[in-house]
């Protein structure tokens, strides 16, 4: 029971560690980067195209950032909402204007499954996610309509050709994003050479603070990966507390089974308990003996549980759990893959093992007390 219970909680802990670590890593890699530079009046929820909310001269900032040795890639982007229409249906999406040469967008470049990736000077061409094209029955070469508000507040509509279809591995991203060259997005929205944000990837996440300090400038807001992934980090914290509640429930069930086993063992050995008591063993010593027996059972079970649990986590970290694209697509606002992989969490494994040992020993107090309360004469005449 101890081995099986510990295996279950270790696998759950590994799943929690793996899922949220990969979600954070993937969200940084596909969406937020380690740092973002924005105009300090820009609000991502509004996706404003007003000149006062956009970065005036993104190329100058890009050059400045690229000069820092800690920086891996720099990507100016322009965001706006749009409605994509075909002769059959429409869907509300987000336009992301990118510089096709930026390494940050390699995940899309490498995910092209039909057609071809964009070029910086491409006009009238867009990329769509495979999940979206499957839902709307769109193929490479089809012409679709995009309608968006422009910098003047009026409606802008254009006809674009689908030059490529990509599969990034993140259903929510693929379902909701229209990608076009940055110059085309700027022209379509009437924003000139401005950008919504500059996304920065670093060689080492630990350098975030020093790079942010180096880039501080009046009128420029600097957001770190922690600021940009606040919802995910809060979810991890809340999820961790909830999971620990489940861990304790599982461990308590195991502990009750162990306590029941010990209690039955005490009743089965009533005569032996009487003999020990008649030979002068004190109540405290009887209690310690039963509790030591519980601790030994727990330690043996924990040893087997660690082998089975770590083995299960290691195996599933290679194979993964497929939750399906439909389920993964329900998670909006973050990169969430349809396949989840557990990860090793040594600190959690140690804590859970000690928690299992502590609770098993704790619940063994009652069987130990029962054994210690037996009267020697009655115990010797039992059965």
Protein backbone atom coordinates (compact mmCIF):
# COMPACT_ATOMS: atom_id res chain seq x y z
CA UNK A 1 0.00 0.00 0.00
CA UNK A 2 2.82 2.42 0.87
CA UNK A 3 4.69 1.63 -2.35
CA UNK A 4 1.57 2.02 -4.50
CA UNK A 5 0.46 5.22 -2.76
CA UNK A 6 3.90 6.79 -3.04
CA UNK A 7 4.13 5.80 -6.72
CA UNK A 8 0.85 7.61 -7.38
CA UNK A 9 1.85 10.83 -5.59
CA UNK A 10 5.32 10.87 -7.18
CA UNK A 11 3.78 10.52 -10.63
CA UNK A 12 1.37 13.36 -9.82
CA UNK A 13 4.23 15.55 -8.56
CA UNK A 14 6.24 14.77 -11.70
CA UNK A 15 3.26 15.63 -13.87
CA UNK A 16 2.73 18.97 -12.11
CA UNK A 17 6.43 19.82 -12.41
CA UNK A 18 6.67 18.80 -16.05
CA UNK A 19 3.46 20.38 -17.31
CA UNK A 20 3.98 23.80 -15.78
CA UNK A 21 7.72 23.92 -16.47
CA UNK A 22 7.14 23.08 -20.13
CA UNK A 23 4.21 25.53 -20.35
CA UNK A 24 6.40 28.33 -18.98
CA UNK A 25 9.32 27.43 -21.24
CA UNK A 26 7.09 27.15 -24.32
CA UNK A 27 5.24 30.36 -23.55
CA UNK A 28 8.54 32.22 -23.29
CA UNK A 29 9.76 30.62 -26.53
CA UNK A 30 6.62 31.23 -28.59
CA UNK A 31 5.01 34.33 -27.15
CA UNK A 32 6.52 36.42 -24.37
CA UNK A 33 10.29 36.06 -24.64
CA UNK A 34 12.42 36.80 -21.56
CA UNK A 35 11.88 40.55 -21.89
CA UNK A 36 9.62 42.87 -23.81
CA UNK A 37 10.05 46.56 -24.53
CA UNK A 38 6.85 48.54 -25.04
CA UNK A 39 5.73 52.11 -24.92
CA UNK A 40 4.85 52.68 -21.27
CA UNK A 41 1.26 53.61 -22.24
CA UNK A 42 0.66 50.43 -24.26
CA UNK A 43 -1.97 47.99 -22.94
CA UNK A 44 -1.89 44.50 -24.42
CA UNK A 45 -5.59 43.95 -23.75
CA UNK A 46 -6.53 46.86 -26.04
CA UNK A 47 -3.86 46.17 -28.71
CA UNK A 48 -3.86 49.90 -29.39
CA UNK A 49 -2.63 51.15 -32.77
CA UNK A 50 -2.45 54.79 -31.68
CA UNK A 51 0.92 56.41 -32.30
CA UNK A 52 1.23 57.46 -28.65
CA UNK A 53 0.98 53.81 -27.53
CA UNK A 54 3.43 52.28 -30.00
CA UNK A 55 7.22 52.22 -30.13
CA UNK A 56 8.21 55.11 -32.40
CA UNK A 57 11.50 53.83 -33.79
CA UNK A 58 11.79 50.08 -33.09
CA UNK A 59 14.83 49.56 -35.32
CA UNK A 60 17.01 51.85 -33.20
CA UNK A 61 16.03 49.90 -30.08
CA UNK A 62 16.64 46.59 -31.87
CA UNK A 63 20.18 47.70 -32.76
CA UNK A 64 20.81 48.79 -29.17
CA UNK A 65 19.55 45.50 -27.73
CA UNK A 66 21.45 43.34 -30.22
CA UNK A 67 24.71 44.93 -29.02
CA UNK A 68 24.31 43.30 -25.58
CA UNK A 69 26.25 40.01 -25.23
CA UNK A 70 23.49 38.38 -23.13
CA UNK A 71 20.95 38.69 -25.95
CA UNK A 72 20.14 35.74 -28.20
CA UNK A 73 17.50 37.29 -30.47
CA UNK A 74 15.43 40.45 -30.84
CA UNK A 75 12.06 40.55 -32.59
CA UNK A 76 9.90 43.66 -33.17
CA UNK A 77 6.22 42.76 -33.58
CA UNK A 78 2.94 44.50 -34.27
CA UNK A 79 -0.29 43.14 -32.82
CA UNK A 80 -3.89 43.87 -33.66
CA UNK A 81 -7.20 42.07 -33.64
CA UNK A 82 -8.93 41.08 -36.87
CA UNK A 83 -11.84 39.18 -38.35
CA UNK A 84 -10.89 36.59 -40.95
CA UNK A 85 -13.66 35.77 -43.41
CA UNK A 86 -14.13 33.16 -46.12
CA UNK A 87 -17.22 32.72 -48.30
CA UNK A 88 -18.45 30.20 -45.72
CA UNK A 89 -17.66 31.64 -42.26
CA UNK A 90 -15.77 34.17 -40.16
CA UNK A 91 -13.56 34.02 -37.09
CA UNK A 92 -12.09 36.60 -34.70
CA UNK A 93 -8.28 36.29 -34.56
CA UNK A 94 -5.08 38.18 -33.76
CA UNK A 95 -2.72 39.51 -36.40
CA UNK A 96 0.95 39.26 -35.50
CA UNK A 97 3.27 41.22 -37.77
CA UNK A 98 6.78 39.74 -37.69
CA UNK A 99 10.19 40.18 -39.26
CA UNK A 100 10.51 36.77 -40.98
CA UNK A 101 14.27 36.80 -40.49
CA UNK A 102 14.10 36.94 -36.67
CA UNK A 103 15.21 33.73 -34.95
CA UNK A 104 12.39 34.12 -32.40
CA UNK A 105 9.95 32.94 -35.07
CA UNK A 106 11.86 29.74 -35.88
CA UNK A 107 9.12 27.69 -34.25
CA UNK A 108 6.72 28.84 -36.97
CA UNK A 109 9.33 28.57 -39.73
CA UNK A 110 10.15 24.99 -38.71
CA UNK A 111 6.45 24.16 -38.29
CA UNK A 112 5.46 24.86 -41.91
CA UNK A 113 3.51 21.81 -43.11
CA UNK A 114 2.13 23.21 -46.37
CA UNK A 115 3.25 26.03 -48.64
CA UNK A 116 6.19 28.21 -47.66
CA UNK A 117 7.33 30.65 -45.00
CA UNK A 118 7.09 34.40 -45.47
CA UNK A 119 9.74 36.76 -46.81
CA UNK A 120 10.24 40.28 -45.47
CA UNK A 121 9.07 41.90 -48.71
CA UNK A 122 6.07 39.60 -49.28
CA UNK A 123 2.87 41.48 -50.02
CA UNK A 124 -0.65 40.19 -49.67
CA UNK A 125 0.54 36.95 -48.05
CA UNK A 126 -0.21 35.45 -44.64
CA UNK A 127 0.39 32.29 -42.63
CA UNK A 128 -2.37 30.42 -40.81
CA UNK A 129 -2.26 27.62 -38.25
CA UNK A 130 -3.19 24.13 -39.35
CA UNK A 131 -5.87 23.77 -36.70
CA UNK A 132 -7.56 26.96 -37.95
CA UNK A 133 -7.33 25.98 -41.62
CA UNK A 134 -8.77 22.54 -40.85
CA UNK A 135 -11.71 24.10 -38.98
CA UNK A 136 -12.41 26.67 -41.72
CA UNK A 137 -11.55 24.41 -44.67
CA UNK A 138 -8.79 26.72 -45.95
CA UNK A 139 -5.89 25.52 -48.11
CA UNK A 140 -2.66 27.06 -49.40
CA UNK A 141 -3.40 29.50 -52.21
CA UNK A 142 -6.88 30.40 -50.92
CA UNK A 143 -7.73 34.08 -50.66
CA UNK A 144 -9.32 35.29 -47.45
CA UNK A 145 -10.55 38.64 -46.16
CA UNK A 146 -9.12 40.37 -43.10
CA UNK A 147 -10.95 43.28 -41.45
CA UNK A 148 -9.21 45.33 -38.75
CA UNK A 149 -9.30 48.76 -37.22
CA UNK A 150 -6.44 51.01 -38.28
CA UNK A 151 -4.44 53.72 -36.54
CA UNK A 152 -7.08 56.32 -37.47
CA UNK A 153 -9.85 54.31 -35.83
CA UNK A 154 -11.56 53.39 -39.10
CA UNK A 155 -12.13 49.91 -40.53
CA UNK A 156 -9.55 48.53 -42.92
CA UNK A 157 -10.29 45.47 -45.06
CA UNK A 158 -7.98 43.58 -47.39
CA UNK A 159 -7.77 40.36 -49.36
CA UNK A 160 -4.79 38.14 -48.59
CA UNK A 161 -3.43 34.89 -49.98
CA UNK A 162 -2.58 32.01 -47.65
CA UNK A 163 1.03 31.29 -48.59
CA UNK A 164 1.69 28.72 -45.88
CA UNK A 165 0.14 26.63 -43.11
CA UNK A 166 2.08 25.95 -39.92
CA UNK A 167 1.78 23.61 -36.95
CA UNK A 168 3.64 25.05 -33.96
CA UNK A 169 2.56 22.20 -31.69
CA UNK A 170 0.40 24.53 -29.60
CA UNK A 171 -3.28 24.27 -30.69
CA UNK A 172 -4.43 27.51 -29.05
CA UNK A 173 -1.71 29.54 -30.80
CA UNK A 174 -2.39 27.86 -34.16
CA UNK A 175 -6.12 28.44 -33.82
CA UNK A 176 -5.99 32.16 -33.05
CA UNK A 177 -3.03 33.72 -34.88
CA UNK A 178 -2.65 35.23 -38.34
CA UNK A 179 1.01 35.89 -39.19
CA UNK A 180 2.15 38.40 -41.80
CA UNK A 181 5.37 40.34 -42.49
CA UNK A 182 5.85 43.30 -40.14
CA UNK A 183 6.04 45.81 -43.03
CA UNK A 184 2.75 44.52 -44.40
CA UNK A 185 1.07 44.68 -40.98
CA UNK A 186 2.29 48.26 -40.54
CA UNK A 187 0.98 49.21 -43.97
CA UNK A 188 -2.35 47.45 -43.44
CA UNK A 189 -2.97 49.16 -40.08
CA UNK A 190 -1.52 52.53 -41.04
CA UNK A 191 0.97 52.59 -38.18
CA UNK A 192 4.01 53.66 -40.21
CA UNK A 193 7.25 52.10 -38.93
CA UNK A 194 5.96 51.65 -35.39
CA UNK A 195 5.76 48.39 -33.43
CA UNK A 196 3.68 47.15 -30.50
CA UNK A 197 6.57 45.47 -28.74
CA UNK A 198 10.14 44.25 -29.04
CA UNK A 199 10.52 40.66 -27.84
CA UNK A 200 13.94 39.71 -26.44
CA UNK A 201 15.31 36.21 -25.92
CA UNK A 202 18.38 35.84 -23.70
CA UNK A 203 21.06 33.19 -23.61
CA UNK A 204 20.41 32.74 -19.89
CA UNK A 205 17.17 33.57 -18.11
CA UNK A 206 19.17 34.58 -15.02
CA UNK A 207 20.41 37.66 -16.90
CA UNK A 208 16.90 39.13 -17.13
CA UNK A 209 17.42 41.65 -14.33
CA UNK A 210 20.76 42.98 -15.56
CA UNK A 211 19.57 43.33 -19.16
CA UNK A 212 16.37 45.08 -18.03
CA UNK A 213 18.47 47.56 -16.02
CA UNK A 214 20.75 48.19 -18.99
CA UNK A 215 17.79 48.95 -21.27
CA UNK A 216 15.92 51.28 -18.90
CA UNK A 217 14.95 54.49 -20.69
CA UNK A 218 12.29 57.21 -20.33
CA UNK A 219 8.99 56.33 -22.00
CA UNK A 220 9.87 52.66 -22.47
CA UNK A 221 8.17 50.02 -20.35
CA UNK A 222 10.22 46.89 -19.67
CA UNK A 223 8.37 43.67 -18.84
CA UNK A 224 10.21 40.58 -17.64
CA UNK A 225 9.18 36.98 -18.29
CA UNK A 226 7.76 36.91 -14.75
CA UNK A 227 5.55 39.95 -15.46
CA UNK A 228 4.43 38.47 -18.77
CA UNK A 229 3.62 35.04 -17.32
CA UNK A 230 1.97 36.20 -14.12
CA UNK A 231 -1.21 34.18 -14.72
CA UNK A 232 0.74 30.98 -15.34
CA UNK A 233 2.92 31.47 -12.26
CA UNK A 234 -0.15 32.11 -10.10
CA UNK A 235 -1.79 29.01 -11.55
CA UNK A 236 1.29 26.96 -10.62
CA UNK A 237 1.12 28.26 -7.05
CA UNK A 238 -2.60 27.53 -6.72
CA UNK A 239 -2.21 24.17 -8.46
CA UNK A 240 0.61 23.22 -6.12
CA UNK A 241 -1.55 23.85 -3.06
CA UNK A 242 -4.42 21.84 -4.54
CA UNK A 243 -2.12 18.97 -5.47
CA UNK A 244 -0.70 18.86 -1.95
CA UNK A 245 -4.22 18.44 -0.64
CA UNK A 246 -4.64 15.43 -2.95
CA UNK A 247 -1.22 14.08 -1.88
CA UNK A 248 -2.24 14.22 1.77
CA UNK A 249 -5.56 12.47 1.05
CA UNK A 250 -3.77 9.65 -0.79
CA UNK A 251 -1.17 9.33 1.97
CA UNK A 252 -3.87 9.31 4.67
CA UNK A 253 -5.69 6.47 2.89
CA UNK A 254 -2.42 4.52 2.82
CA UNK A 255 -1.75 5.36 6.47
CA UNK A 256 -5.20 4.14 7.54
CA UNK A 257 -4.56 0.83 5.73
CA UNK A 258 -1.23 0.50 7.53
CA UNK A 259 -2.86 1.34 10.88
CA UNK A 260 -5.53 -1.28 10.26
CA UNK A 261 -2.85 -3.84 9.39
CA UNK A 262 -0.95 -3.03 12.58
CA UNK A 263 -4.11 -3.22 14.69
CA UNK A 264 -4.95 -6.64 13.29
CA UNK A 265 -1.35 -7.68 13.92
CA UNK A 266 -1.62 -6.56 17.54
CA UNK A 267 -4.82 -8.60 18.07
CA UNK A 268 -3.28 -11.63 16.38
CA UNK A 269 -0.30 -11.43 18.74
CA UNK A 270 -2.20 -10.80 21.97
CA UNK A 271 -0.50 -13.71 23.80
CA UNK A 272 2.94 -12.52 22.69
CA UNK A 273 2.12 -9.04 23.98
CA UNK A 274 1.07 -10.57 27.30
CA UNK A 275 4.32 -12.52 27.55
CA UNK A 276 6.37 -9.41 26.87
CA UNK A 277 4.41 -7.48 29.47
CA UNK A 278 4.77 -10.26 32.06
CA UNK A 279 8.52 -10.27 31.46
CA UNK A 280 8.63 -6.65 32.52
CA UNK A 281 8.36 -4.71 29.26
CA UNK A 282 6.90 -1.34 30.03
CA UNK A 283 3.93 0.23 28.19
CA UNK A 284 6.22 2.84 26.63
CA UNK A 285 8.49 0.12 25.28
CA UNK A 286 5.53 -1.79 23.79
CA UNK A 287 4.34 1.36 22.08
CA UNK A 288 7.79 2.08 20.69
CA UNK A 289 8.06 -1.48 19.42
CA UNK A 290 4.79 -1.24 17.45
CA UNK A 291 5.63 2.21 16.14
CA UNK A 292 9.09 0.98 15.09
CA UNK A 293 7.41 -1.86 13.24
CA UNK A 294 5.22 0.71 11.43
CA UNK A 295 8.28 2.81 10.58
CA UNK A 296 10.11 -0.22 9.16
CA UNK A 297 7.08 -1.16 7.04
CA UNK A 298 6.85 2.45 5.84
CA UNK A 299 10.58 2.65 4.98
CA UNK A 300 10.47 -0.58 3.00
CA UNK A 301 7.33 0.59 1.20
CA UNK A 302 8.87 4.01 0.52
CA UNK A 303 11.98 2.38 -0.95
CA UNK A 304 9.86 0.32 -3.36
CA UNK A 305 7.63 3.35 -4.02
CA UNK A 306 10.61 5.52 -4.94
CA UNK A 307 11.87 2.91 -7.39
CA UNK A 308 8.44 2.46 -8.97
CA UNK A 309 7.54 6.19 -8.88
CA UNK A 310 10.81 7.47 -10.30
CA UNK A 311 10.72 4.72 -12.91
CA UNK A 312 7.18 5.68 -13.90
CA UNK A 313 8.06 9.39 -14.11
CA UNK A 314 11.16 8.64 -16.19
CA UNK A 315 9.21 6.43 -18.59
CA UNK A 316 6.34 8.88 -18.99
CA UNK A 317 8.80 11.78 -19.46
CA UNK A 318 9.85 10.03 -22.66
CA UNK A 319 6.42 8.84 -23.82
CA UNK A 320 4.13 11.60 -22.48
CA UNK A 321 0.37 11.79 -22.03
CA UNK A 322 -1.71 12.75 -25.06
CA UNK A 323 -4.59 14.96 -23.93
CA UNK A 324 -5.78 15.70 -27.47
CA UNK A 325 -5.68 18.92 -29.47
CA UNK A 326 -9.28 19.79 -28.60
CA UNK A 327 -8.46 19.81 -24.88
CA UNK A 328 -5.19 21.70 -25.34
CA UNK A 329 -6.99 24.22 -27.57
CA UNK A 330 -9.25 25.18 -24.67
CA UNK A 331 -6.29 26.72 -22.85
CA UNK A 332 -6.09 30.24 -24.24
CA UNK A 333 -3.47 32.87 -23.61
CA UNK A 334 -0.54 30.47 -23.22
CA UNK A 335 1.38 27.86 -25.19
CA UNK A 336 -0.08 24.53 -24.08
CA UNK A 337 0.87 21.39 -25.96
CA UNK A 338 -1.50 18.50 -26.64
CA UNK A 339 1.13 16.15 -25.21
CA UNK A 340 2.21 16.50 -21.59
CA UNK A 341 5.49 15.20 -20.22
CA UNK A 342 6.21 14.66 -16.51
CA UNK A 343 9.59 15.76 -15.15
CA UNK A 344 11.78 14.78 -12.24
CA UNK A 345 11.17 16.84 -9.11
CA UNK A 346 13.78 15.59 -6.59
CA UNK A 347 12.87 18.09 -3.87
CA UNK A 348 9.20 17.13 -4.10
CA UNK A 349 10.05 13.41 -4.09
CA UNK A 350 12.04 13.83 -0.84
CA UNK A 351 9.29 15.90 0.82
CA UNK A 352 6.56 13.42 -0.18
CA UNK A 353 8.60 10.44 1.03
CA UNK A 354 9.21 12.08 4.43
CA UNK A 355 5.53 13.08 4.60
CA UNK A 356 4.52 9.48 3.92
CA UNK A 357 6.86 8.22 6.66
CA UNK A 358 5.70 10.83 9.15
CA UNK A 359 1.98 10.23 8.65
CA UNK A 360 2.33 6.42 8.76
CA UNK A 361 4.25 6.64 12.04
CA UNK A 362 1.70 9.12 13.38
CA UNK A 363 -1.30 6.88 12.70
CA UNK A 364 0.54 3.91 14.22
CA UNK A 365 0.18 5.57 17.62
CA UNK A 366 -3.33 4.15 18.10
CA UNK A 367 -2.42 0.47 17.43
CA UNK A 368 0.65 0.99 19.64
CA UNK A 369 -1.53 2.43 22.41
CA UNK A 370 -3.91 -0.54 22.15
CA UNK A 371 -0.97 -2.95 22.46
CA UNK A 372 0.41 -1.06 25.46
CA UNK A 373 -2.96 -1.05 27.27
CA UNK A 374 -3.33 -4.82 27.25
CA UNK A 375 -3.38 -6.42 30.69
CA UNK A 376 -0.75 -9.19 30.92
CA UNK A 377 -3.10 -11.71 32.59
CA UNK A 378 -5.92 -11.18 30.09
CA UNK A 379 -3.47 -11.25 27.17
CA UNK A 380 -1.95 -14.57 28.36
CA UNK A 381 -5.42 -16.17 28.56
CA UNK A 382 -6.49 -14.91 25.13
CA UNK A 383 -7.56 -17.65 22.70
